[in-house]
Amino acid sequence: MPDFVTEMKKEFTMGEKEENIRYAIGSAAAAAAIFAPLSYPWKAVLAAVAAETILTGIYGVSPIRQLTKAA
């Protein structure tokens, strides 16, 4: 009998290719937040995007994916 928690975790984890894409998007957003001549609200948005994508790439689990699949 398969373990329920293991099966649920498989559904929400991501592959290596998706992790690399998230690292690239996060790095680009972080660079834009640091170096682009933008106003502070836009820098905050880019920093939030960078943090979310890099952290989900590191941990391999996306909270947004969990919310969309749970509904």
C-alpha atoms as a PDB file:
ATOM      1  CA  MET A   1       0.000   0.000   0.000  1.00  0.00           C
ATOM      2  CA  PRO A   2       1.567   3.330  -1.038  1.00  0.00           C
ATOM      3  CA  ASP A   3       2.248   5.958   1.561  1.00  0.00           C
ATOM      4  CA  PHE A   4      -0.237   8.835   1.211  1.00  0.00           C
ATOM      5  CA  VAL A   5       2.263  11.542   2.223  1.00  0.00           C
ATOM      6  CA  THR A   6       4.861  10.305  -0.258  1.00  0.00           C
ATOM      7  CA  GLU A   7       2.315  10.295  -3.066  1.00  0.00           C
ATOM      8  CA  MET A   8       1.192  13.829  -2.226  1.00  0.00           C
ATOM      9  CA  LYS A   9       4.787  15.050  -2.091  1.00  0.00           C
ATOM     10  CA  LYS A  10       5.511  13.611  -5.550  1.00  0.00           C
ATOM     11  CA  GLU A  11       2.593  15.585  -6.955  1.00  0.00           C
ATOM     12  CA  PHE A  12       3.927  18.933  -5.700  1.00  0.00           C
ATOM     13  CA  THR A  13       7.669  18.544  -6.257  1.00  0.00           C
ATOM     14  CA  MET A  14       9.418  19.742  -9.389  1.00  0.00           C
ATOM     15  CA  GLY A  15      12.053  18.375 -11.698  1.00  0.00           C
ATOM     16  CA  GLU A  16      15.596  19.572 -12.254  1.00  0.00           C
ATOM     17  CA  LYS A  17      14.693  21.475 -15.422  1.00  0.00           C
ATOM     18  CA  GLU A  18      11.977  23.460 -13.643  1.00  0.00           C
ATOM     19  CA  GLU A  19      14.381  24.224 -10.786  1.00  0.00           C
ATOM     20  CA  ASN A  20      16.944  25.602 -13.244  1.00  0.00           C
ATOM     21  CA  ILE A  21      14.296  27.748 -14.929  1.00  0.00           C
ATOM     22  CA  ARG A  22      13.265  29.113 -11.537  1.00  0.00           C
ATOM     23  CA  TYR A  23      16.905  29.928 -10.697  1.00  0.00           C
ATOM     24  CA  ALA A  24      17.241  31.816 -13.985  1.00  0.00           C
ATOM     25  CA  ILE A  25      14.025  33.793 -13.503  1.00  0.00           C
ATOM     26  CA  GLY A  26      14.928  34.574  -9.889  1.00  0.00           C
ATOM     27  CA  SER A  27      18.418  35.693 -10.813  1.00  0.00           C
ATOM     28  CA  ALA A  28      17.117  37.934 -13.590  1.00  0.00           C
ATOM     29  CA  ALA A  29      14.511  39.471 -11.276  1.00  0.00           C
ATOM     30  CA  ALA A  30      17.123  40.049  -8.561  1.00  0.00           C
ATOM     31  CA  ALA A  31      19.516  41.679 -11.035  1.00  0.00           C
ATOM     32  CA  ALA A  32      16.732  43.913 -12.351  1.00  0.00           C
ATOM     33  CA  ALA A  33      15.735  44.877  -8.798  1.00  0.00           C
ATOM     34  CA  ILE A  34      19.318  45.800  -7.971  1.00  0.00           C
ATOM     35  CA  PHE A  35      20.547  47.459 -11.150  1.00  0.00           C
ATOM     36  CA  ALA A  36      17.511  48.764 -13.076  1.00  0.00           C
ATOM     37  CA  PRO A  37      16.565  52.418 -12.578  1.00  0.00           C
ATOM     38  CA  LEU A  38      13.086  51.700 -11.232  1.00  0.00           C
ATOM     39  CA  SER A  39      10.980  53.188  -8.452  1.00  0.00           C
ATOM     40  CA  TYR A  40      10.983  51.466  -5.082  1.00  0.00           C
ATOM     41  CA  PRO A  41       7.585  49.767  -5.451  1.00  0.00           C
ATOM     42  CA  TRP A  42       8.773  48.034  -8.641  1.00  0.00           C
ATOM     43  CA  LYS A  43      12.032  47.057  -6.973  1.00  0.00           C
ATOM     44  CA  ALA A  44      10.015  45.491  -4.139  1.00  0.00           C
ATOM     45  CA  VAL A  45       7.889  43.516  -6.604  1.00  0.00           C
ATOM     46  CA  LEU A  46      10.979  42.246  -8.422  1.00  0.00           C
ATOM     47  CA  ALA A  47      12.659  41.355  -5.130  1.00  0.00           C
ATOM     48  CA  ALA A  48       9.578  39.385  -4.054  1.00  0.00           C
ATOM     49  CA  VAL A  49       9.503  37.528  -7.372  1.00  0.00           C
ATOM     50  CA  ALA A  50      13.209  36.795  -7.066  1.00  0.00           C
ATOM     51  CA  ALA A  51      12.875  35.506  -3.510  1.00  0.00           C
ATOM     52  CA  GLU A  52       9.880  33.304  -4.325  1.00  0.00           C
ATOM     53  CA  THR A  53      11.385  31.722  -7.425  1.00  0.00           C
ATOM     54  CA  ILE A  54      14.838  31.138  -5.949  1.00  0.00           C
ATOM     55  CA  LEU A  55      13.481  29.688  -2.695  1.00  0.00           C
ATOM     56  CA  THR A  56      11.039  27.387  -4.478  1.00  0.00           C
ATOM     57  CA  GLY A  57      13.900  26.252  -6.705  1.00  0.00           C
ATOM     58  CA  ILE A  58      16.043  25.472  -3.660  1.00  0.00           C
ATOM     59  CA  TYR A  59      13.354  23.602  -1.743  1.00  0.00           C
ATOM     60  CA  GLY A  60      11.792  21.997  -4.810  1.00  0.00           C
ATOM     61  CA  VAL A  61       8.231  22.647  -3.653  1.00  0.00           C
ATOM     62  CA  SER A  62       6.012  25.455  -4.916  1.00  0.00           C
ATOM     63  CA  PRO A  63       3.340  26.807  -2.543  1.00  0.00           C
ATOM     64  CA  ILE A  64       1.505  28.362  -5.505  1.00  0.00           C
ATOM     65  CA  ARG A  65       1.310  24.961  -7.193  1.00  0.00           C
ATOM     66  CA  GLN A  66      -0.054  23.455  -3.980  1.00  0.00           C
ATOM     67  CA  LEU A  67      -2.780  26.109  -3.796  1.00  0.00           C
ATOM     68  CA  THR A  68      -3.827  25.718  -7.422  1.00  0.00           C
ATOM     69  CA  LYS A  69      -3.958  21.916  -7.326  1.00  0.00           C
ATOM     70  CA  ALA A  70      -5.756  21.791  -3.973  1.00  0.00           C
ATOM     71  CA  ALA A  71      -8.753  23.689  -5.349  1.00  0.00           C
END
